[in-house]
């Protein structure tokens, strides 16, 4: 990525689409106005080695543009999915974003149901995650975990920590990869931090085993520099030998929201679609 490209990168504004960035012509140097934007560009630059054919795409992948329109993306060899154009929902008048200095509680004032990542093009929607009026019952989320005792422990944790509601979406792509995205809404960022760090996601392994797994390890190859510094994250992968499916999972603390991303696939869940999905979901929460 050239210096000019980095300076031309734009943050997502409320109500505005997340657009892929074309390679600009040479322009005179300008004064750096937003250090956070520059940090975001540098983080993604560090992750280029993982997304092998990124070329000059934006930090979170190409959405509606044809890959042949972007230098370096003439083929699908990197395995990324094509997501629809992403749009940040408008905030209520006078309300700050979740990471604004005037919002110490990390409150997401936008409708949480509009912050769930949409399914990529060609995927089949998981109707079981639609919920009622877009809100998923806690029991439906708990089905992701194996033992009855673990589910009951998690249910009590959510009661103790004041879980308000869950927004979710799931889909299956043509290669058999099954993705589930859950956004769990709590009262404050402090609550999410304590729940994630103390009860759900340790450094060595997740505290509660996802259904179909015996053990999961931290995913050391995940390009964490592609994620915002505002997010707290724990990413895990099920090592070989795994059972019928391999499981990849991520826990993202984003203000007053805990995002849980799960991907499973028979024969092995590919790294790049999972990385792309987690990064895009993190982007929508920021």
C-alpha atoms as a PDB file:
ATOM      1  CA  UNK A   1       0.000   0.000   0.000  1.00  0.00           C
ATOM      2  CA  UNK A   2       1.504   3.372  -1.004  1.00  0.00           C
ATOM      3  CA  UNK A   3       1.771   6.376   1.278  1.00  0.00           C
ATOM      4  CA  UNK A   4      -0.805   8.164  -0.855  1.00  0.00           C
ATOM      5  CA  UNK A   5      -3.230   5.272  -0.477  1.00  0.00           C
ATOM      6  CA  UNK A   6      -2.860   5.214   3.293  1.00  0.00           C
ATOM      7  CA  UNK A   7      -3.603   8.932   3.492  1.00  0.00           C
ATOM      8  CA  UNK A   8      -6.646   8.509   1.290  1.00  0.00           C
ATOM      9  CA  UNK A   9      -8.151   5.782   3.521  1.00  0.00           C
ATOM     10  CA  UNK A  10     -11.417   6.891   5.108  1.00  0.00           C
ATOM     11  CA  UNK A  11     -13.127   5.711   8.259  1.00  0.00           C
ATOM     12  CA  UNK A  12     -16.713   4.478   8.091  1.00  0.00           C
ATOM     13  CA  UNK A  13     -19.278   7.218   8.738  1.00  0.00           C
ATOM     14  CA  UNK A  14     -22.796   6.623  10.014  1.00  0.00           C
ATOM     15  CA  UNK A  15     -25.158   5.800   7.167  1.00  0.00           C
ATOM     16  CA  UNK A  16     -22.332   5.592   4.629  1.00  0.00           C
ATOM     17  CA  UNK A  17     -21.304   2.434   2.722  1.00  0.00           C
ATOM     18  CA  UNK A  18     -17.997   0.703   3.317  1.00  0.00           C
ATOM     19  CA  UNK A  19     -16.424   1.111  -0.104  1.00  0.00           C
ATOM     20  CA  UNK A  20     -13.324  -0.641  -1.484  1.00  0.00           C
ATOM     21  CA  UNK A  21     -10.428   1.706  -2.139  1.00  0.00           C
ATOM     22  CA  UNK A  22      -8.957   2.044  -5.597  1.00  0.00           C
ATOM     23  CA  UNK A  23      -5.300   2.946  -6.112  1.00  0.00           C
ATOM     24  CA  UNK A  24      -5.230   6.777  -6.391  1.00  0.00           C
ATOM     25  CA  UNK A  25      -3.071   8.888  -8.627  1.00  0.00           C
ATOM     26  CA  UNK A  26      -0.089  10.664  -7.117  1.00  0.00           C
ATOM     27  CA  UNK A  27      -1.126  13.643  -5.004  1.00  0.00           C
ATOM     28  CA  UNK A  28       0.824  16.268  -3.054  1.00  0.00           C
ATOM     29  CA  UNK A  29       1.595  15.400   0.562  1.00  0.00           C
ATOM     30  CA  UNK A  30      -1.102  16.386   3.035  1.00  0.00           C
ATOM     31  CA  UNK A  31      -1.096  16.900   6.773  1.00  0.00           C
ATOM     32  CA  UNK A  32      -2.084  13.767   8.691  1.00  0.00           C
ATOM     33  CA  UNK A  33      -5.436  14.502  10.332  1.00  0.00           C
ATOM     34  CA  UNK A  34      -6.464  11.231  11.934  1.00  0.00           C
ATOM     35  CA  UNK A  35      -3.945   9.023  13.685  1.00  0.00           C
ATOM     36  CA  UNK A  36      -6.580   6.334  14.237  1.00  0.00           C
ATOM     37  CA  UNK A  37      -7.138   6.013  10.495  1.00  0.00           C
ATOM     38  CA  UNK A  38      -3.414   5.659   9.906  1.00  0.00           C
ATOM     39  CA  UNK A  39      -3.149   3.004  12.611  1.00  0.00           C
ATOM     40  CA  UNK A  40      -5.954   1.075  10.921  1.00  0.00           C
ATOM     41  CA  UNK A  41      -4.140   1.185   7.596  1.00  0.00           C
ATOM     42  CA  UNK A  42      -0.883   0.040   9.152  1.00  0.00           C
ATOM     43  CA  UNK A  43      -2.613  -2.841  10.933  1.00  0.00           C
ATOM     44  CA  UNK A  44      -4.009  -4.149   7.691  1.00  0.00           C
ATOM     45  CA  UNK A  45      -0.660  -3.703   5.955  1.00  0.00           C
ATOM     46  CA  UNK A  46       0.815  -6.096   8.479  1.00  0.00           C
ATOM     47  CA  UNK A  47      -1.882  -8.652   7.658  1.00  0.00           C
ATOM     48  CA  UNK A  48      -1.258  -8.663   3.905  1.00  0.00           C
ATOM     49  CA  UNK A  49       0.839 -11.808   4.130  1.00  0.00           C
ATOM     50  CA  UNK A  50      -2.198 -13.761   5.284  1.00  0.00           C
ATOM     51  CA  UNK A  51      -4.612 -12.409   2.721  1.00  0.00           C
ATOM     52  CA  UNK A  52      -2.403 -13.458  -0.151  1.00  0.00           C
ATOM     53  CA  UNK A  53      -4.060 -11.551  -2.967  1.00  0.00           C
ATOM     54  CA  UNK A  54      -5.181  -8.396  -1.250  1.00  0.00           C
ATOM     55  CA  UNK A  55      -3.577  -6.094  -3.818  1.00  0.00           C
ATOM     56  CA  UNK A  56      -4.840  -2.581  -3.235  1.00  0.00           C
ATOM     57  CA  UNK A  57      -8.165  -3.518  -1.626  1.00  0.00           C
ATOM     58  CA  UNK A  58      -9.347  -1.825   1.567  1.00  0.00           C
ATOM     59  CA  UNK A  59      -8.657  -3.220   5.019  1.00  0.00           C
ATOM     60  CA  UNK A  60     -11.762  -5.349   5.088  1.00  0.00           C
ATOM     61  CA  UNK A  61     -12.016  -6.845   1.647  1.00  0.00           C
ATOM     62  CA  UNK A  62     -13.904  -6.188  -1.542  1.00  0.00           C
ATOM     63  CA  UNK A  63     -17.683  -6.192  -1.339  1.00  0.00           C
ATOM     64  CA  UNK A  64     -19.573  -5.509  -4.561  1.00  0.00           C
ATOM     65  CA  UNK A  65     -16.721  -4.707  -6.943  1.00  0.00           C
ATOM     66  CA  UNK A  66     -15.708  -7.331  -9.438  1.00  0.00           C
ATOM     67  CA  UNK A  67     -12.378  -8.782  -8.422  1.00  0.00           C
ATOM     68  CA  UNK A  68     -11.036  -8.233 -11.936  1.00  0.00           C
ATOM     69  CA  UNK A  69     -11.564  -4.487 -11.383  1.00  0.00           C
ATOM     70  CA  UNK A  70      -9.006  -4.401  -8.589  1.00  0.00           C
ATOM     71  CA  UNK A  71      -5.269  -4.897  -9.165  1.00  0.00           C
ATOM     72  CA  UNK A  72      -4.099  -8.224  -7.783  1.00  0.00           C
ATOM     73  CA  UNK A  73      -7.615  -9.668  -7.400  1.00  0.00           C
ATOM     74  CA  UNK A  74      -8.220 -11.212 -10.793  1.00  0.00           C
ATOM     75  CA  UNK A  75      -8.712 -14.689  -9.298  1.00  0.00           C
ATOM     76  CA  UNK A  76     -10.277 -16.175  -6.183  1.00  0.00           C
ATOM     77  CA  UNK A  77      -7.149 -18.022  -5.118  1.00  0.00           C
ATOM     78  CA  UNK A  78      -7.158 -16.423  -1.649  1.00  0.00           C
ATOM     79  CA  UNK A  79     -10.557 -17.940  -0.819  1.00  0.00           C
ATOM     80  CA  UNK A  80     -12.322 -14.774   0.293  1.00  0.00           C
ATOM     81  CA  UNK A  81     -16.086 -14.495   0.064  1.00  0.00           C
ATOM     82  CA  UNK A  82     -17.963 -11.691  -1.669  1.00  0.00           C
ATOM     83  CA  UNK A  83     -20.053  -9.827   0.868  1.00  0.00           C
ATOM     84  CA  UNK A  84     -22.784  -7.340  -0.014  1.00  0.00           C
ATOM     85  CA  UNK A  85     -22.053  -3.666   0.407  1.00  0.00           C
ATOM     86  CA  UNK A  86     -21.738  -2.917   4.122  1.00  0.00           C
ATOM     87  CA  UNK A  87     -23.506   0.113   5.572  1.00  0.00           C
ATOM     88  CA  UNK A  88     -23.223   1.452   9.092  1.00  0.00           C
ATOM     89  CA  UNK A  89     -26.661   2.215  10.572  1.00  0.00           C
ATOM     90  CA  UNK A  90     -27.256   5.829  11.522  1.00  0.00           C
ATOM     91  CA  UNK A  91     -26.906   6.717  15.179  1.00  0.00           C
ATOM     92  CA  UNK A  92     -29.791   8.417  16.997  1.00  0.00           C
ATOM     93  CA  UNK A  93     -29.410  12.181  16.982  1.00  0.00           C
ATOM     94  CA  UNK A  94     -26.844  13.369  19.470  1.00  0.00           C
ATOM     95  CA  UNK A  95     -25.618   9.883  20.415  1.00  0.00           C
ATOM     96  CA  UNK A  96     -21.898   9.027  20.201  1.00  0.00           C
ATOM     97  CA  UNK A  97     -20.267   5.918  18.796  1.00  0.00           C
ATOM     98  CA  UNK A  98     -19.301   3.098  21.176  1.00  0.00           C
ATOM     99  CA  UNK A  99     -15.650   4.135  21.431  1.00  0.00           C
ATOM    100  CA  UNK A 100     -16.098   7.895  21.648  1.00  0.00           C
ATOM    101  CA  UNK A 101     -14.467   9.637  24.604  1.00  0.00           C
ATOM    102  CA  UNK A 102     -17.907  10.859  25.661  1.00  0.00           C
ATOM    103  CA  UNK A 103     -19.220   7.280  25.862  1.00  0.00           C
ATOM    104  CA  UNK A 104     -17.305   5.594  28.726  1.00  0.00           C
ATOM    105  CA  UNK A 105     -19.857   2.769  29.000  1.00  0.00           C
ATOM    106  CA  UNK A 106     -19.145   1.737  25.404  1.00  0.00           C
ATOM    107  CA  UNK A 107     -22.848   1.821  24.572  1.00  0.00           C
ATOM    108  CA  UNK A 108     -23.974   0.849  21.073  1.00  0.00           C
ATOM    109  CA  UNK A 109     -26.875   3.200  20.405  1.00  0.00           C
ATOM    110  CA  UNK A 110     -27.538   1.795  16.926  1.00  0.00           C
ATOM    111  CA  UNK A 111     -29.993  -1.085  16.552  1.00  0.00           C
ATOM    112  CA  UNK A 112     -27.922  -4.185  17.291  1.00  0.00           C
ATOM    113  CA  UNK A 113     -29.849  -6.185  14.685  1.00  0.00           C
ATOM    114  CA  UNK A 114     -28.432  -3.873  12.024  1.00  0.00           C
ATOM    115  CA  UNK A 115     -24.872  -4.497  13.208  1.00  0.00           C
ATOM    116  CA  UNK A 116     -24.828  -8.237  12.492  1.00  0.00           C
ATOM    117  CA  UNK A 117     -22.691  -9.059   9.464  1.00  0.00           C
ATOM    118  CA  UNK A 118     -24.822 -10.021   6.432  1.00  0.00           C
ATOM    119  CA  UNK A 119     -24.309 -13.346   4.675  1.00  0.00           C
ATOM    120  CA  UNK A 120     -21.957 -13.388   1.671  1.00  0.00           C
ATOM    121  CA  UNK A 121     -23.337 -13.681  -1.827  1.00  0.00           C
ATOM    122  CA  UNK A 122     -24.623 -17.129  -2.750  1.00  0.00           C
ATOM    123  CA  UNK A 123     -24.849 -18.404   0.844  1.00  0.00           C
ATOM    124  CA  UNK A 124     -27.912 -20.174   2.213  1.00  0.00           C
ATOM    125  CA  UNK A 125     -29.353 -18.476   5.300  1.00  0.00           C
ATOM    126  CA  UNK A 126     -29.691 -20.383   8.567  1.00  0.00           C
ATOM    127  CA  UNK A 127     -33.376 -19.831   9.356  1.00  0.00           C
ATOM    128  CA  UNK A 128     -33.008 -21.189  12.889  1.00  0.00           C
ATOM    129  CA  UNK A 129     -31.108 -18.048  13.901  1.00  0.00           C
ATOM    130  CA  UNK A 130     -33.679 -15.498  12.806  1.00  0.00           C
ATOM    131  CA  UNK A 131     -35.333 -15.431  16.220  1.00  0.00           C
ATOM    132  CA  UNK A 132     -38.433 -13.426  17.040  1.00  0.00           C
ATOM    133  CA  UNK A 133     -38.382  -9.904  15.623  1.00  0.00           C
ATOM    134  CA  UNK A 134     -34.674 -10.406  15.053  1.00  0.00           C
ATOM    135  CA  UNK A 135     -33.889 -11.310  18.687  1.00  0.00           C
ATOM    136  CA  UNK A 136     -32.615 -14.808  19.388  1.00  0.00           C
ATOM    137  CA  UNK A 137     -33.567 -16.735  22.527  1.00  0.00           C
ATOM    138  CA  UNK A 138     -30.696 -17.473  24.910  1.00  0.00           C
ATOM    139  CA  UNK A 139     -31.403 -21.210  24.700  1.00  0.00           C
ATOM    140  CA  UNK A 140     -30.819 -21.132  20.944  1.00  0.00           C
ATOM    141  CA  UNK A 141     -27.357 -19.682  21.489  1.00  0.00           C
ATOM    142  CA  UNK A 142     -26.563 -22.163  24.260  1.00  0.00           C
ATOM    143  CA  UNK A 143     -27.094 -25.046  21.828  1.00  0.00           C
ATOM    144  CA  UNK A 144     -23.664 -24.196  20.435  1.00  0.00           C
ATOM    145  CA  UNK A 145     -22.089 -25.682  23.556  1.00  0.00           C
ATOM    146  CA  UNK A 146     -21.703 -29.368  24.298  1.00  0.00           C
ATOM    147  CA  UNK A 147     -22.574 -30.525  27.792  1.00  0.00           C
ATOM    148  CA  UNK A 148     -25.790 -29.877  29.687  1.00  0.00           C
ATOM    149  CA  UNK A 149     -23.870 -28.711  32.756  1.00  0.00           C
ATOM    150  CA  UNK A 150     -21.862 -26.225  30.667  1.00  0.00           C
ATOM    151  CA  UNK A 151     -25.030 -24.808  29.160  1.00  0.00           C
ATOM    152  CA  UNK A 152     -26.542 -24.322  32.597  1.00  0.00           C
ATOM    153  CA  UNK A 153     -23.398 -22.605  33.857  1.00  0.00           C
ATOM    154  CA  UNK A 154     -23.428 -20.281  30.872  1.00  0.00           C
ATOM    155  CA  UNK A 155     -27.133 -19.569  31.314  1.00  0.00           C
ATOM    156  CA  UNK A 156     -26.513 -18.528  34.920  1.00  0.00           C
ATOM    157  CA  UNK A 157     -23.538 -16.401  33.912  1.00  0.00           C
ATOM    158  CA  UNK A 158     -25.689 -14.521  31.430  1.00  0.00           C
ATOM    159  CA  UNK A 159     -28.314 -13.950  34.112  1.00  0.00           C
ATOM    160  CA  UNK A 160     -25.700 -12.765  36.600  1.00  0.00           C
ATOM    161  CA  UNK A 161     -24.108 -10.400  34.094  1.00  0.00           C
ATOM    162  CA  UNK A 162     -27.411  -9.004  32.853  1.00  0.00           C
ATOM    163  CA  UNK A 163     -27.622 -10.233  29.255  1.00  0.00           C
ATOM    164  CA  UNK A 164     -30.191  -8.020  27.567  1.00  0.00           C
ATOM    165  CA  UNK A 165     -30.693  -9.721  24.218  1.00  0.00           C
ATOM    166  CA  UNK A 166     -28.965 -11.515  21.340  1.00  0.00           C
ATOM    167  CA  UNK A 167     -28.923 -10.649  17.651  1.00  0.00           C
ATOM    168  CA  UNK A 168     -27.683 -13.388  15.325  1.00  0.00           C
ATOM    169  CA  UNK A 169     -27.255 -14.543  11.754  1.00  0.00           C
ATOM    170  CA  UNK A 170     -26.005 -17.756  10.188  1.00  0.00           C
ATOM    171  CA  UNK A 171     -25.373 -19.164   6.718  1.00  0.00           C
ATOM    172  CA  UNK A 172     -23.821 -22.036   4.791  1.00  0.00           C
ATOM    173  CA  UNK A 173     -21.684 -21.484   1.703  1.00  0.00           C
ATOM    174  CA  UNK A 174     -21.400 -23.801  -1.288  1.00  0.00           C
ATOM    175  CA  UNK A 175     -18.266 -25.482   0.102  1.00  0.00           C
ATOM    176  CA  UNK A 176     -20.164 -26.561   3.211  1.00  0.00           C
ATOM    177  CA  UNK A 177     -18.760 -23.964   5.613  1.00  0.00           C
ATOM    178  CA  UNK A 178     -21.357 -23.160   8.277  1.00  0.00           C
ATOM    179  CA  UNK A 179     -21.011 -19.722   9.874  1.00  0.00           C
ATOM    180  CA  UNK A 180     -22.828 -18.387  12.928  1.00  0.00           C
ATOM    181  CA  UNK A 181     -22.489 -14.842  14.247  1.00  0.00           C
ATOM    182  CA  UNK A 182     -23.955 -13.860  17.624  1.00  0.00           C
ATOM    183  CA  UNK A 183     -24.002 -10.385  19.174  1.00  0.00           C
ATOM    184  CA  UNK A 184     -24.707 -10.525  22.909  1.00  0.00           C
ATOM    185  CA  UNK A 185     -25.765  -7.188  24.372  1.00  0.00           C
ATOM    186  CA  UNK A 186     -24.971  -6.195  27.973  1.00  0.00           C
ATOM    187  CA  UNK A 187     -25.230  -2.979  29.966  1.00  0.00           C
ATOM    188  CA  UNK A 188     -21.654  -1.706  29.788  1.00  0.00           C
ATOM    189  CA  UNK A 189     -18.236  -2.404  28.329  1.00  0.00           C
ATOM    190  CA  UNK A 190     -16.941  -3.183  31.840  1.00  0.00           C
ATOM    191  CA  UNK A 191     -19.446  -6.028  32.134  1.00  0.00           C
ATOM    192  CA  UNK A 192     -18.378  -7.468  28.781  1.00  0.00           C
ATOM    193  CA  UNK A 193     -14.696  -7.209  29.679  1.00  0.00           C
ATOM    194  CA  UNK A 194     -15.140  -9.078  32.957  1.00  0.00           C
ATOM    195  CA  UNK A 195     -17.358 -11.761  31.438  1.00  0.00           C
ATOM    196  CA  UNK A 196     -15.039 -12.407  28.504  1.00  0.00           C
ATOM    197  CA  UNK A 197     -11.760 -12.240  30.383  1.00  0.00           C
ATOM    198  CA  UNK A 198     -12.789 -13.989  33.602  1.00  0.00           C
ATOM    199  CA  UNK A 199     -15.286 -16.580  32.421  1.00  0.00           C
ATOM    200  CA  UNK A 200     -15.272 -17.249  28.680  1.00  0.00           C
ATOM    201  CA  UNK A 201     -11.995 -16.742  26.861  1.00  0.00           C
ATOM    202  CA  UNK A 202      -8.667 -17.492  28.515  1.00  0.00           C
ATOM    203  CA  UNK A 203      -5.315 -17.230  26.792  1.00  0.00           C
ATOM    204  CA  UNK A 204      -4.858 -20.995  26.523  1.00  0.00           C
ATOM    205  CA  UNK A 205      -8.343 -22.176  25.535  1.00  0.00           C
ATOM    206  CA  UNK A 206     -12.027 -21.225  25.628  1.00  0.00           C
ATOM    207  CA  UNK A 207     -13.614 -21.938  28.999  1.00  0.00           C
ATOM    208  CA  UNK A 208     -16.614 -23.704  27.454  1.00  0.00           C
ATOM    209  CA  UNK A 209     -16.237 -26.227  24.646  1.00  0.00           C
ATOM    210  CA  UNK A 210     -18.237 -25.632  21.495  1.00  0.00           C
ATOM    211  CA  UNK A 211     -20.326 -28.623  20.484  1.00  0.00           C
ATOM    212  CA  UNK A 212     -18.250 -31.165  18.569  1.00  0.00           C
ATOM    213  CA  UNK A 213     -14.881 -30.095  20.010  1.00  0.00           C
ATOM    214  CA  UNK A 214     -12.708 -31.620  22.708  1.00  0.00           C
ATOM    215  CA  UNK A 215     -10.000 -28.990  22.708  1.00  0.00           C
ATOM    216  CA  UNK A 216      -9.244 -25.697  20.980  1.00  0.00           C
ATOM    217  CA  UNK A 217      -6.000 -23.722  20.954  1.00  0.00           C
ATOM    218  CA  UNK A 218      -5.283 -20.043  20.327  1.00  0.00           C
ATOM    219  CA  UNK A 219      -5.046 -19.390  16.594  1.00  0.00           C
ATOM    220  CA  UNK A 220      -1.520 -18.009  16.364  1.00  0.00           C
ATOM    221  CA  UNK A 221      -1.852 -17.388  12.617  1.00  0.00           C
ATOM    222  CA  UNK A 222      -4.850 -15.076  12.909  1.00  0.00           C
ATOM    223  CA  UNK A 223      -3.869 -11.559  11.682  1.00  0.00           C
ATOM    224  CA  UNK A 224      -4.849  -9.689  14.841  1.00  0.00           C
ATOM    225  CA  UNK A 225      -3.355  -6.465  13.501  1.00  0.00           C
ATOM    226  CA  UNK A 226      -6.310  -6.346  11.114  1.00  0.00           C
ATOM    227  CA  UNK A 227      -8.590  -5.727  14.108  1.00  0.00           C
ATOM    228  CA  UNK A 228      -9.171  -2.368  15.732  1.00  0.00           C
ATOM    229  CA  UNK A 229      -7.283  -1.518  18.911  1.00  0.00           C
ATOM    230  CA  UNK A 230     -10.686  -0.809  20.454  1.00  0.00           C
ATOM    231  CA  UNK A 231     -11.602  -4.496  20.318  1.00  0.00           C
ATOM    232  CA  UNK A 232     -10.642  -7.170  22.822  1.00  0.00           C
ATOM    233  CA  UNK A 233     -10.377 -10.514  21.092  1.00  0.00           C
ATOM    234  CA  UNK A 234      -9.664 -14.194  21.618  1.00  0.00           C
ATOM    235  CA  UNK A 235      -9.449 -16.454  18.567  1.00  0.00           C
ATOM    236  CA  UNK A 236      -9.220 -20.249  18.668  1.00  0.00           C
ATOM    237  CA  UNK A 237      -8.848 -23.174  16.289  1.00  0.00           C
ATOM    238  CA  UNK A 238      -9.567 -26.872  16.803  1.00  0.00           C
ATOM    239  CA  UNK A 239      -6.330 -28.788  16.091  1.00  0.00           C
ATOM    240  CA  UNK A 240      -6.012 -32.048  14.254  1.00  0.00           C
ATOM    241  CA  UNK A 241      -7.198 -34.684  14.641  1.00  0.00           C
ATOM    242  CA  UNK A 242     -10.704 -33.206  14.806  1.00  0.00           C
ATOM    243  CA  UNK A 243     -14.011 -35.006  14.450  1.00  0.00           C
ATOM    244  CA  UNK A 244     -16.566 -34.732  11.688  1.00  0.00           C
ATOM    245  CA  UNK A 245     -15.958 -30.981  11.398  1.00  0.00           C
ATOM    246  CA  UNK A 246     -13.239 -28.539  12.339  1.00  0.00           C
ATOM    247  CA  UNK A 247     -14.330 -25.579  14.473  1.00  0.00           C
ATOM    248  CA  UNK A 248     -12.928 -22.052  14.405  1.00  0.00           C
ATOM    249  CA  UNK A 249     -14.199 -19.560  16.973  1.00  0.00           C
ATOM    250  CA  UNK A 250     -13.684 -15.948  18.022  1.00  0.00           C
ATOM    251  CA  UNK A 251     -14.840 -13.854  20.969  1.00  0.00           C
ATOM    252  CA  UNK A 252     -14.776 -10.089  20.370  1.00  0.00           C
ATOM    253  CA  UNK A 253     -15.382  -7.579  23.139  1.00  0.00           C
ATOM    254  CA  UNK A 254     -16.677  -4.392  21.517  1.00  0.00           C
ATOM    255  CA  UNK A 255     -17.982  -1.920  24.055  1.00  0.00           C
ATOM    256  CA  UNK A 256     -21.186  -3.278  25.578  1.00  0.00           C
ATOM    257  CA  UNK A 257     -21.377  -6.083  22.967  1.00  0.00           C
ATOM    258  CA  UNK A 258     -19.769  -9.513  23.025  1.00  0.00           C
ATOM    259  CA  UNK A 259     -19.547 -10.965  19.507  1.00  0.00           C
ATOM    260  CA  UNK A 260     -19.151 -14.711  19.096  1.00  0.00           C
ATOM    261  CA  UNK A 261     -18.189 -15.963  15.618  1.00  0.00           C
ATOM    262  CA  UNK A 262     -18.192 -19.691  14.863  1.00  0.00           C
ATOM    263  CA  UNK A 263     -17.263 -21.470  11.636  1.00  0.00           C
ATOM    264  CA  UNK A 264     -17.346 -25.213  11.044  1.00  0.00           C
ATOM    265  CA  UNK A 265     -16.655 -27.344   8.006  1.00  0.00           C
ATOM    266  CA  UNK A 266     -16.225 -31.022   7.292  1.00  0.00           C
ATOM    267  CA  UNK A 267     -12.621 -31.767   6.383  1.00  0.00           C
ATOM    268  CA  UNK A 268     -11.325 -28.476   7.764  1.00  0.00           C
ATOM    269  CA  UNK A 269     -12.521 -24.876   8.060  1.00  0.00           C
ATOM    270  CA  UNK A 270     -10.475 -22.586   5.811  1.00  0.00           C
ATOM    271  CA  UNK A 271      -8.554 -19.762   7.475  1.00  0.00           C
ATOM    272  CA  UNK A 272      -9.197 -16.861   5.091  1.00  0.00           C
ATOM    273  CA  UNK A 273     -13.038 -16.815   5.133  1.00  0.00           C
ATOM    274  CA  UNK A 274     -12.943 -16.979   8.927  1.00  0.00           C
ATOM    275  CA  UNK A 275     -10.420 -14.150   9.178  1.00  0.00           C
ATOM    276  CA  UNK A 276     -12.443 -12.077   6.741  1.00  0.00           C
ATOM    277  CA  UNK A 277     -15.712 -12.695   8.622  1.00  0.00           C
ATOM    278  CA  UNK A 278     -14.246 -11.787  12.008  1.00  0.00           C
ATOM    279  CA  UNK A 279     -12.572  -8.641  10.656  1.00  0.00           C
ATOM    280  CA  UNK A 280     -15.731  -7.422   8.946  1.00  0.00           C
ATOM    281  CA  UNK A 281     -17.879  -8.076  11.993  1.00  0.00           C
ATOM    282  CA  UNK A 282     -15.396  -6.217  14.139  1.00  0.00           C
ATOM    283  CA  UNK A 283     -15.518  -3.322  11.705  1.00  0.00           C
ATOM    284  CA  UNK A 284     -19.304  -3.060  11.981  1.00  0.00           C
ATOM    285  CA  UNK A 285     -19.098  -2.957  15.775  1.00  0.00           C
ATOM    286  CA  UNK A 286     -16.559  -0.135  15.774  1.00  0.00           C
END
